[in-house]
């Protein structure tokens, strides 16, 4: 039953945009490089805030 609930939640989240804050750490173990990727937070996309951020970044690039 737990696996079915997991699959249902996964299907509900498929193709819905989310913002993920991740951290990546690269380690070497027995001569092989590996990356550990950890999700720190997840949230739905706030399109208005993202648009403001993008406009601010464009303004920084064009003002130089």
C-alpha atoms as a PDB file:
ATOM      1  CA  UNK A   1       0.000   0.000   0.000  1.00  0.00           C
ATOM      2  CA  UNK A   2       2.873   2.394   0.780  1.00  0.00           C
ATOM      3  CA  UNK A   3       4.409   1.792  -2.648  1.00  0.00           C
ATOM      4  CA  UNK A   4       1.084   2.499  -4.368  1.00  0.00           C
ATOM      5  CA  UNK A   5       0.741   5.793  -2.473  1.00  0.00           C
ATOM      6  CA  UNK A   6       4.319   6.727  -3.459  1.00  0.00           C
ATOM      7  CA  UNK A   7       3.600   5.995  -7.135  1.00  0.00           C
ATOM      8  CA  UNK A   8       0.392   8.065  -6.974  1.00  0.00           C
ATOM      9  CA  UNK A   9       2.205  11.076  -5.478  1.00  0.00           C
ATOM     10  CA  UNK A  10       4.966  10.730  -8.077  1.00  0.00           C
ATOM     11  CA  UNK A  11       2.411  10.730 -10.910  1.00  0.00           C
ATOM     12  CA  UNK A  12       0.683  13.804  -9.442  1.00  0.00           C
ATOM     13  CA  UNK A  13       3.975  15.721  -9.429  1.00  0.00           C
ATOM     14  CA  UNK A  14       5.020  14.709 -12.947  1.00  0.00           C
ATOM     15  CA  UNK A  15       5.136  17.615 -15.432  1.00  0.00           C
ATOM     16  CA  UNK A  16       4.369  20.228 -12.763  1.00  0.00           C
ATOM     17  CA  UNK A  17       7.149  22.836 -12.474  1.00  0.00           C
ATOM     18  CA  UNK A  18       8.895  23.104  -9.104  1.00  0.00           C
ATOM     19  CA  UNK A  19      11.914  24.981  -7.810  1.00  0.00           C
ATOM     20  CA  UNK A  20      14.535  22.833  -6.141  1.00  0.00           C
ATOM     21  CA  UNK A  21      17.386  24.081  -3.973  1.00  0.00           C
ATOM     22  CA  UNK A  22      20.113  21.464  -4.147  1.00  0.00           C
ATOM     23  CA  UNK A  23      23.622  20.970  -2.883  1.00  0.00           C
ATOM     24  CA  UNK A  24      26.242  18.932  -4.715  1.00  0.00           C
ATOM     25  CA  UNK A  25      29.342  17.444  -3.133  1.00  0.00           C
ATOM     26  CA  UNK A  26      31.945  15.606  -5.139  1.00  0.00           C
ATOM     27  CA  UNK A  27      33.844  12.802  -3.418  1.00  0.00           C
ATOM     28  CA  UNK A  28      36.410  10.291  -4.542  1.00  0.00           C
ATOM     29  CA  UNK A  29      36.050   6.706  -3.357  1.00  0.00           C
ATOM     30  CA  UNK A  30      38.517   4.018  -4.400  1.00  0.00           C
ATOM     31  CA  UNK A  31      39.700   6.109  -7.329  1.00  0.00           C
ATOM     32  CA  UNK A  32      36.183   6.767  -8.612  1.00  0.00           C
ATOM     33  CA  UNK A  33      34.670  10.246  -8.509  1.00  0.00           C
ATOM     34  CA  UNK A  34      31.105  10.409  -7.270  1.00  0.00           C
ATOM     35  CA  UNK A  35      28.624  13.194  -6.708  1.00  0.00           C
ATOM     36  CA  UNK A  36      26.178  13.355  -3.850  1.00  0.00           C
ATOM     37  CA  UNK A  37      23.184  15.510  -4.744  1.00  0.00           C
ATOM     38  CA  UNK A  38      20.866  16.495  -1.902  1.00  0.00           C
ATOM     39  CA  UNK A  39      17.563  18.345  -2.246  1.00  0.00           C
ATOM     40  CA  UNK A  40      17.519  21.057   0.428  1.00  0.00           C
ATOM     41  CA  UNK A  41      14.059  22.440  -0.370  1.00  0.00           C
ATOM     42  CA  UNK A  42      11.287  22.262  -2.933  1.00  0.00           C
ATOM     43  CA  UNK A  43       8.493  24.701  -3.731  1.00  0.00           C
ATOM     44  CA  UNK A  44       6.032  25.418  -6.529  1.00  0.00           C
ATOM     45  CA  UNK A  45       7.134  28.038  -9.039  1.00  0.00           C
ATOM     46  CA  UNK A  46       6.109  31.611  -8.199  1.00  0.00           C
ATOM     47  CA  UNK A  47       6.034  33.004 -11.727  1.00  0.00           C
ATOM     48  CA  UNK A  48       5.723  36.659 -10.653  1.00  0.00           C
ATOM     49  CA  UNK A  49       8.776  36.427  -8.385  1.00  0.00           C
ATOM     50  CA  UNK A  50      10.758  34.588 -11.063  1.00  0.00           C
ATOM     51  CA  UNK A  51       9.886  37.250 -13.656  1.00  0.00           C
ATOM     52  CA  UNK A  52      11.001  40.039 -11.292  1.00  0.00           C
ATOM     53  CA  UNK A  53      14.269  38.198 -10.618  1.00  0.00           C
ATOM     54  CA  UNK A  54      14.937  37.724 -14.334  1.00  0.00           C
ATOM     55  CA  UNK A  55      14.223  41.401 -15.051  1.00  0.00           C
ATOM     56  CA  UNK A  56      16.630  42.434 -12.275  1.00  0.00           C
ATOM     57  CA  UNK A  57      19.338  40.190 -13.715  1.00  0.00           C
ATOM     58  CA  UNK A  58      18.807  41.594 -17.225  1.00  0.00           C
ATOM     59  CA  UNK A  59      18.979  45.147 -15.831  1.00  0.00           C
ATOM     60  CA  UNK A  60      22.316  44.325 -14.154  1.00  0.00           C
ATOM     61  CA  UNK A  61      23.728  43.031 -17.442  1.00  0.00           C
ATOM     62  CA  UNK A  62      22.554  45.986 -19.508  1.00  0.00           C
ATOM     63  CA  UNK A  63      23.656  48.675 -17.033  1.00  0.00           C
ATOM     64  CA  UNK A  64      27.341  47.688 -17.200  1.00  0.00           C
END
